[in-house]
């Protein structure tokens, strides 16, 4: 089986919304004043959110395809 990289928001999100603007498929939503959340079913695994996240709150993980 092949694996694919996906991303999830861990601790440290400062709700700056930078990741929201970077996601090409609108897979990220914001829980007001709490954290961003990435919908795994929509995530392409492109890494744009990960690269844009200054606090390092977004981390990669592998999923089986």
PDB file of N, CA and C in Angstrom:
ATOM      1  N   UNK A   1       0.828  -1.184   0.000  1.00  0.00           N
ATOM      2  CA  UNK A   1       0.000   0.000   0.000  1.00  0.00           C
ATOM      3  C   UNK A   1       0.878   1.255   0.000  1.00  0.00           C
ATOM      4  N   UNK A   2       0.394   2.267  -0.660  1.00  0.00           N
ATOM      5  CA  UNK A   2       1.108   3.533  -0.711  1.00  0.00           C
ATOM      6  C   UNK A   2       0.669   4.423   0.441  1.00  0.00           C
ATOM      7  N   UNK A   3       1.557   5.294   0.838  1.00  0.00           N
ATOM      8  CA  UNK A   3       1.205   6.259   1.874  1.00  0.00           C
ATOM      9  C   UNK A   3       1.166   7.658   1.278  1.00  0.00           C
ATOM     10  N   UNK A   4       0.399   8.506   1.906  1.00  0.00           N
ATOM     11  CA  UNK A   4       0.276   9.890   1.472  1.00  0.00           C
ATOM     12  C   UNK A   4       0.438  10.782   2.691  1.00  0.00           C
ATOM     13  N   UNK A   5       1.078  11.910   2.503  1.00  0.00           N
ATOM     14  CA  UNK A   5       1.239  12.862   3.588  1.00  0.00           C
ATOM     15  C   UNK A   5      -0.005  13.732   3.693  1.00  0.00           C
ATOM     16  N   UNK A   6      -0.521  13.850   4.903  1.00  0.00           N
ATOM     17  CA  UNK A   6      -1.621  14.753   5.229  1.00  0.00           C
ATOM     18  C   UNK A   6      -1.121  15.655   6.350  1.00  0.00           C
ATOM     19  N   UNK A   7      -1.921  16.628   6.721  1.00  0.00           N
ATOM     20  CA  UNK A   7      -1.511  17.580   7.753  1.00  0.00           C
ATOM     21  C   UNK A   7      -2.611  17.755   8.779  1.00  0.00           C
ATOM     22  N   UNK A   8      -2.203  17.995  10.031  1.00  0.00           N
ATOM     23  CA  UNK A   8      -3.177  18.277  11.081  1.00  0.00           C
ATOM     24  C   UNK A   8      -2.624  19.368  11.990  1.00  0.00           C
ATOM     25  N   UNK A   9      -3.538  20.061  12.643  1.00  0.00           N
ATOM     26  CA  UNK A   9      -3.163  21.136  13.542  1.00  0.00           C
ATOM     27  C   UNK A   9      -2.940  20.543  14.932  1.00  0.00           C
ATOM     28  N   UNK A  10      -1.757  20.765  15.452  1.00  0.00           N
ATOM     29  CA  UNK A  10      -1.415  20.308  16.793  1.00  0.00           C
ATOM     30  C   UNK A  10      -1.505  21.518  17.720  1.00  0.00           C
ATOM     31  N   UNK A  11      -0.988  21.415  18.904  1.00  0.00           N
ATOM     32  CA  UNK A  11      -0.969  22.540  19.830  1.00  0.00           C
ATOM     33  C   UNK A  11      -0.113  23.687  19.295  1.00  0.00           C
ATOM     34  N   UNK A  12      -0.437  24.882  19.701  1.00  0.00           N
ATOM     35  CA  UNK A  12       0.354  26.040  19.318  1.00  0.00           C
ATOM     36  C   UNK A  12      -0.281  26.933  18.282  1.00  0.00           C
ATOM     37  N   UNK A  13      -1.478  26.589  17.807  1.00  0.00           N
ATOM     38  CA  UNK A  13      -2.157  27.428  16.827  1.00  0.00           C
ATOM     39  C   UNK A  13      -2.516  28.762  17.485  1.00  0.00           C
ATOM     40  N   UNK A  14      -2.165  29.864  16.815  1.00  0.00           N
ATOM     41  CA  UNK A  14      -2.462  31.207  17.337  1.00  0.00           C
ATOM     42  C   UNK A  14      -3.607  31.863  16.561  1.00  0.00           C
ATOM     43  N   UNK A  15      -4.317  31.092  15.772  1.00  0.00           N
ATOM     44  CA  UNK A  15      -5.464  31.530  14.959  1.00  0.00           C
ATOM     45  C   UNK A  15      -5.142  32.749  14.089  1.00  0.00           C
ATOM     46  N   UNK A  16      -3.967  32.746  13.482  1.00  0.00           N
ATOM     47  CA  UNK A  16      -3.564  33.859  12.605  1.00  0.00           C
ATOM     48  C   UNK A  16      -4.238  33.786  11.240  1.00  0.00           C
ATOM     49  N   UNK A  17      -4.784  32.624  10.883  1.00  0.00           N
ATOM     50  CA  UNK A  17      -5.517  32.372   9.642  1.00  0.00           C
ATOM     51  C   UNK A  17      -4.641  32.330   8.390  1.00  0.00           C
ATOM     52  N   UNK A  18      -3.338  32.358   8.528  1.00  0.00           N
ATOM     53  CA  UNK A  18      -2.461  32.266   7.362  1.00  0.00           C
ATOM     54  C   UNK A  18      -2.698  30.983   6.592  1.00  0.00           C
ATOM     55  N   UNK A  19      -2.901  29.885   7.292  1.00  0.00           N
ATOM     56  CA  UNK A  19      -3.119  28.596   6.636  1.00  0.00           C
ATOM     57  C   UNK A  19      -4.410  28.599   5.812  1.00  0.00           C
ATOM     58  N   UNK A  20      -5.441  29.270   6.309  1.00  0.00           N
ATOM     59  CA  UNK A  20      -6.708  29.340   5.585  1.00  0.00           C
ATOM     60  C   UNK A  20      -6.517  29.943   4.203  1.00  0.00           C
ATOM     61  N   UNK A  21      -5.718  30.989   4.128  1.00  0.00           N
ATOM     62  CA  UNK A  21      -5.483  31.677   2.856  1.00  0.00           C
ATOM     63  C   UNK A  21      -4.595  30.868   1.918  1.00  0.00           C
ATOM     64  N   UNK A  22      -3.788  29.965   2.460  1.00  0.00           N
ATOM     65  CA  UNK A  22      -2.878  29.163   1.649  1.00  0.00           C
ATOM     66  C   UNK A  22      -3.514  27.905   1.077  1.00  0.00           C
ATOM     67  N   UNK A  23      -4.560  27.406   1.710  1.00  0.00           N
ATOM     68  CA  UNK A  23      -5.165  26.138   1.282  1.00  0.00           C
ATOM     69  C   UNK A  23      -5.937  26.310  -0.027  1.00  0.00           C
ATOM     70  N   UNK A  24      -5.537  25.584  -1.085  1.00  0.00           N
ATOM     71  CA  UNK A  24      -6.202  25.737  -2.383  1.00  0.00           C
ATOM     72  C   UNK A  24      -7.584  25.091  -2.472  1.00  0.00           C
ATOM     73  N   UNK A  25      -7.932  24.249  -1.485  1.00  0.00           N
ATOM     74  CA  UNK A  25      -9.222  23.553  -1.540  1.00  0.00           C
ATOM     75  C   UNK A  25     -10.120  23.853  -0.343  1.00  0.00           C
ATOM     76  N   UNK A  26      -9.808  24.880   0.398  1.00  0.00           N
ATOM     77  CA  UNK A  26     -10.595  25.297   1.560  1.00  0.00           C
ATOM     78  C   UNK A  26     -10.858  24.140   2.534  1.00  0.00           C
ATOM     79  N   UNK A  27      -9.807  23.374   2.817  1.00  0.00           N
ATOM     80  CA  UNK A  27      -9.920  22.247   3.743  1.00  0.00           C
ATOM     81  C   UNK A  27      -9.753  22.677   5.200  1.00  0.00           C
ATOM     82  N   UNK A  28      -9.443  23.950   5.427  1.00  0.00           N
ATOM     83  CA  UNK A  28      -9.169  24.426   6.778  1.00  0.00           C
ATOM     84  C   UNK A  28     -10.267  25.371   7.242  1.00  0.00           C
ATOM     85  N   UNK A  29     -10.740  25.116   8.443  1.00  0.00           N
ATOM     86  CA  UNK A  29     -11.717  26.005   9.064  1.00  0.00           C
ATOM     87  C   UNK A  29     -11.143  26.484  10.387  1.00  0.00           C
ATOM     88  N   UNK A  30     -11.719  27.537  10.908  1.00  0.00           N
ATOM     89  CA  UNK A  30     -11.242  28.116  12.152  1.00  0.00           C
ATOM     90  C   UNK A  30     -12.321  27.999  13.220  1.00  0.00           C
ATOM     91  N   UNK A  31     -11.931  27.417  14.337  1.00  0.00           N
ATOM     92  CA  UNK A  31     -12.796  27.428  15.503  1.00  0.00           C
ATOM     93  C   UNK A  31     -12.445  28.718  16.219  1.00  0.00           C
ATOM     94  N   UNK A  32     -13.375  29.639  16.256  1.00  0.00           N
ATOM     95  CA  UNK A  32     -13.127  31.003  16.716  1.00  0.00           C
ATOM     96  C   UNK A  32     -12.344  31.066  18.026  1.00  0.00           C
ATOM     97  N   UNK A  33     -11.235  31.778  17.980  1.00  0.00           N
ATOM     98  CA  UNK A  33     -10.365  32.014  19.135  1.00  0.00           C
ATOM     99  C   UNK A  33      -9.803  30.743  19.771  1.00  0.00           C
ATOM    100  N   UNK A  34      -9.845  29.623  19.043  1.00  0.00           N
ATOM    101  CA  UNK A  34      -9.339  28.376  19.618  1.00  0.00           C
ATOM    102  C   UNK A  34      -8.229  27.789  18.746  1.00  0.00           C
ATOM    103  N   UNK A  35      -8.584  27.379  17.511  1.00  0.00           N
ATOM    104  CA  UNK A  35      -7.626  26.690  16.666  1.00  0.00           C
ATOM    105  C   UNK A  35      -8.165  26.529  15.250  1.00  0.00           C
ATOM    106  N   UNK A  36      -7.263  26.314  14.330  1.00  0.00           N
ATOM    107  CA  UNK A  36      -7.636  25.918  12.974  1.00  0.00           C
ATOM    108  C   UNK A  36      -7.808  24.402  12.972  1.00  0.00           C
ATOM    109  N   UNK A  37      -8.644  23.899  12.050  1.00  0.00           N
ATOM    110  CA  UNK A  37      -8.889  22.465  11.916  1.00  0.00           C
ATOM    111  C   UNK A  37      -8.809  22.121  10.432  1.00  0.00           C
ATOM    112  N   UNK A  38      -8.101  21.049  10.117  1.00  0.00           N
ATOM    113  CA  UNK A  38      -7.952  20.615   8.727  1.00  0.00           C
ATOM    114  C   UNK A  38      -8.837  19.390   8.496  1.00  0.00           C
ATOM    115  N   UNK A  39      -9.681  19.457   7.486  1.00  0.00           N
ATOM    116  CA  UNK A  39     -10.550  18.343   7.103  1.00  0.00           C
ATOM    117  C   UNK A  39      -9.719  17.367   6.259  1.00  0.00           C
ATOM    118  N   UNK A  40      -9.403  16.221   6.832  1.00  0.00           N
ATOM    119  CA  UNK A  40      -8.552  15.238   6.155  1.00  0.00           C
ATOM    120  C   UNK A  40      -9.132  14.787   4.819  1.00  0.00           C
ATOM    121  N   UNK A  41     -10.452  14.714   4.726  1.00  0.00           N
ATOM    122  CA  UNK A  41     -11.066  14.248   3.483  1.00  0.00           C
ATOM    123  C   UNK A  41     -10.886  15.240   2.335  1.00  0.00           C
ATOM    124  N   UNK A  42     -10.677  16.503   2.642  1.00  0.00           N
ATOM    125  CA  UNK A  42     -10.458  17.524   1.612  1.00  0.00           C
ATOM    126  C   UNK A  42      -8.976  17.812   1.360  1.00  0.00           C
ATOM    127  N   UNK A  43      -8.138  17.528   2.345  1.00  0.00           N
ATOM    128  CA  UNK A  43      -6.709  17.857   2.270  1.00  0.00           C
ATOM    129  C   UNK A  43      -6.027  17.130   1.107  1.00  0.00           C
ATOM    130  N   UNK A  44      -5.315  17.904   0.283  1.00  0.00           N
ATOM    131  CA  UNK A  44      -4.578  17.341  -0.848  1.00  0.00           C
ATOM    132  C   UNK A  44      -3.176  16.870  -0.459  1.00  0.00           C
ATOM    133  N   UNK A  45      -2.707  17.333   0.693  1.00  0.00           N
ATOM    134  CA  UNK A  45      -1.352  16.995   1.111  1.00  0.00           C
ATOM    135  C   UNK A  45      -0.304  17.858   0.439  1.00  0.00           C
ATOM    136  N   UNK A  46      -0.689  19.027  -0.032  1.00  0.00           N
ATOM    137  CA  UNK A  46       0.240  19.893  -0.772  1.00  0.00           C
ATOM    138  C   UNK A  46       1.288  20.554   0.129  1.00  0.00           C
ATOM    139  N   UNK A  47       0.974  20.724   1.417  1.00  0.00           N
ATOM    140  CA  UNK A  47       1.931  21.294   2.351  1.00  0.00           C
ATOM    141  C   UNK A  47       1.982  22.806   2.412  1.00  0.00           C
ATOM    142  N   UNK A  48       1.113  23.477   1.670  1.00  0.00           N
ATOM    143  CA  UNK A  48       1.129  24.943   1.681  1.00  0.00           C
ATOM    144  C   UNK A  48       0.827  25.494   3.071  1.00  0.00           C
ATOM    145  N   UNK A  49      -0.105  24.875   3.774  1.00  0.00           N
ATOM    146  CA  UNK A  49      -0.444  25.312   5.135  1.00  0.00           C
ATOM    147  C   UNK A  49       0.746  25.096   6.078  1.00  0.00           C
ATOM    148  N   UNK A  50       1.387  23.951   5.959  1.00  0.00           N
ATOM    149  CA  UNK A  50       2.545  23.608   6.787  1.00  0.00           C
ATOM    150  C   UNK A  50       3.670  24.618   6.579  1.00  0.00           C
ATOM    151  N   UNK A  51       3.947  24.957   5.337  1.00  0.00           N
ATOM    152  CA  UNK A  51       5.017  25.895   5.032  1.00  0.00           C
ATOM    153  C   UNK A  51       4.701  27.316   5.475  1.00  0.00           C
ATOM    154  N   UNK A  52       3.425  27.667   5.537  1.00  0.00           N
ATOM    155  CA  UNK A  52       3.023  29.022   5.919  1.00  0.00           C
ATOM    156  C   UNK A  52       2.882  29.204   7.430  1.00  0.00           C
ATOM    157  N   UNK A  53       2.767  28.113   8.166  1.00  0.00           N
ATOM    158  CA  UNK A  53       2.482  28.189   9.605  1.00  0.00           C
ATOM    159  C   UNK A  53       3.728  28.596  10.387  1.00  0.00           C
ATOM    160  N   UNK A  54       3.761  29.847  10.843  1.00  0.00           N
ATOM    161  CA  UNK A  54       4.906  30.352  11.591  1.00  0.00           C
ATOM    162  C   UNK A  54       5.082  29.707  12.972  1.00  0.00           C
ATOM    163  N   UNK A  55       4.011  29.476  13.739  1.00  0.00           N
ATOM    164  CA  UNK A  55       4.209  28.867  15.059  1.00  0.00           C
ATOM    165  C   UNK A  55       4.515  27.368  15.005  1.00  0.00           C
ATOM    166  N   UNK A  56       4.426  26.758  13.830  1.00  0.00           N
ATOM    167  CA  UNK A  56       4.705  25.330  13.711  1.00  0.00           C
ATOM    168  C   UNK A  56       3.596  24.452  14.249  1.00  0.00           C
ATOM    169  N   UNK A  57       2.378  24.964  14.269  1.00  0.00           N
ATOM    170  CA  UNK A  57       1.249  24.216  14.814  1.00  0.00           C
ATOM    171  C   UNK A  57       0.765  23.123  13.869  1.00  0.00           C
ATOM    172  N   UNK A  58       1.055  23.239  12.596  1.00  0.00           N
ATOM    173  CA  UNK A  58       0.622  22.239  11.621  1.00  0.00           C
ATOM    174  C   UNK A  58       1.754  21.247  11.391  1.00  0.00           C
ATOM    175  N   UNK A  59       1.410  19.969  11.512  1.00  0.00           N
ATOM    176  CA  UNK A  59       2.414  18.915  11.393  1.00  0.00           C
ATOM    177  C   UNK A  59       1.961  17.858  10.403  1.00  0.00           C
ATOM    178  N   UNK A  60       2.920  17.269   9.665  1.00  0.00           N
ATOM    179  CA  UNK A  60       2.576  16.214   8.706  1.00  0.00           C
ATOM    180  C   UNK A  60       2.396  14.870   9.391  1.00  0.00           C
ATOM    181  N   UNK A  61       1.630  13.998   8.756  1.00  0.00           N
ATOM    182  CA  UNK A  61       1.513  12.615   9.171  1.00  0.00           C
ATOM    183  C   UNK A  61       1.196  11.785   7.944  1.00  0.00           C
ATOM    184  N   UNK A  62       1.444  10.506   8.005  1.00  0.00           N
ATOM    185  CA  UNK A  62       1.251   9.606   6.877  1.00  0.00           C
ATOM    186  C   UNK A  62      -0.058   8.824   7.025  1.00  0.00           C
ATOM    187  N   UNK A  63      -0.751   8.640   5.902  1.00  0.00           N
ATOM    188  CA  UNK A  63      -1.962   7.809   5.864  1.00  0.00           C
ATOM    189  C   UNK A  63      -1.807   6.776   4.747  1.00  0.00           C
ATOM    190  N   UNK A  64      -2.403   5.629   4.936  1.00  0.00           N
ATOM    191  CA  UNK A  64      -2.406   4.575   3.921  1.00  0.00           C
ATOM    192  C   UNK A  64      -3.460   4.886   2.880  1.00  0.00           C
ATOM    193  N   UNK A  65      -3.122   4.689   1.633  1.00  0.00           N
ATOM    194  CA  UNK A  65      -4.104   4.897   0.559  1.00  0.00           C
ATOM    195  C   UNK A  65      -4.632   3.574   0.066  1.00  0.00           C
TER     196      UNK A  65
END
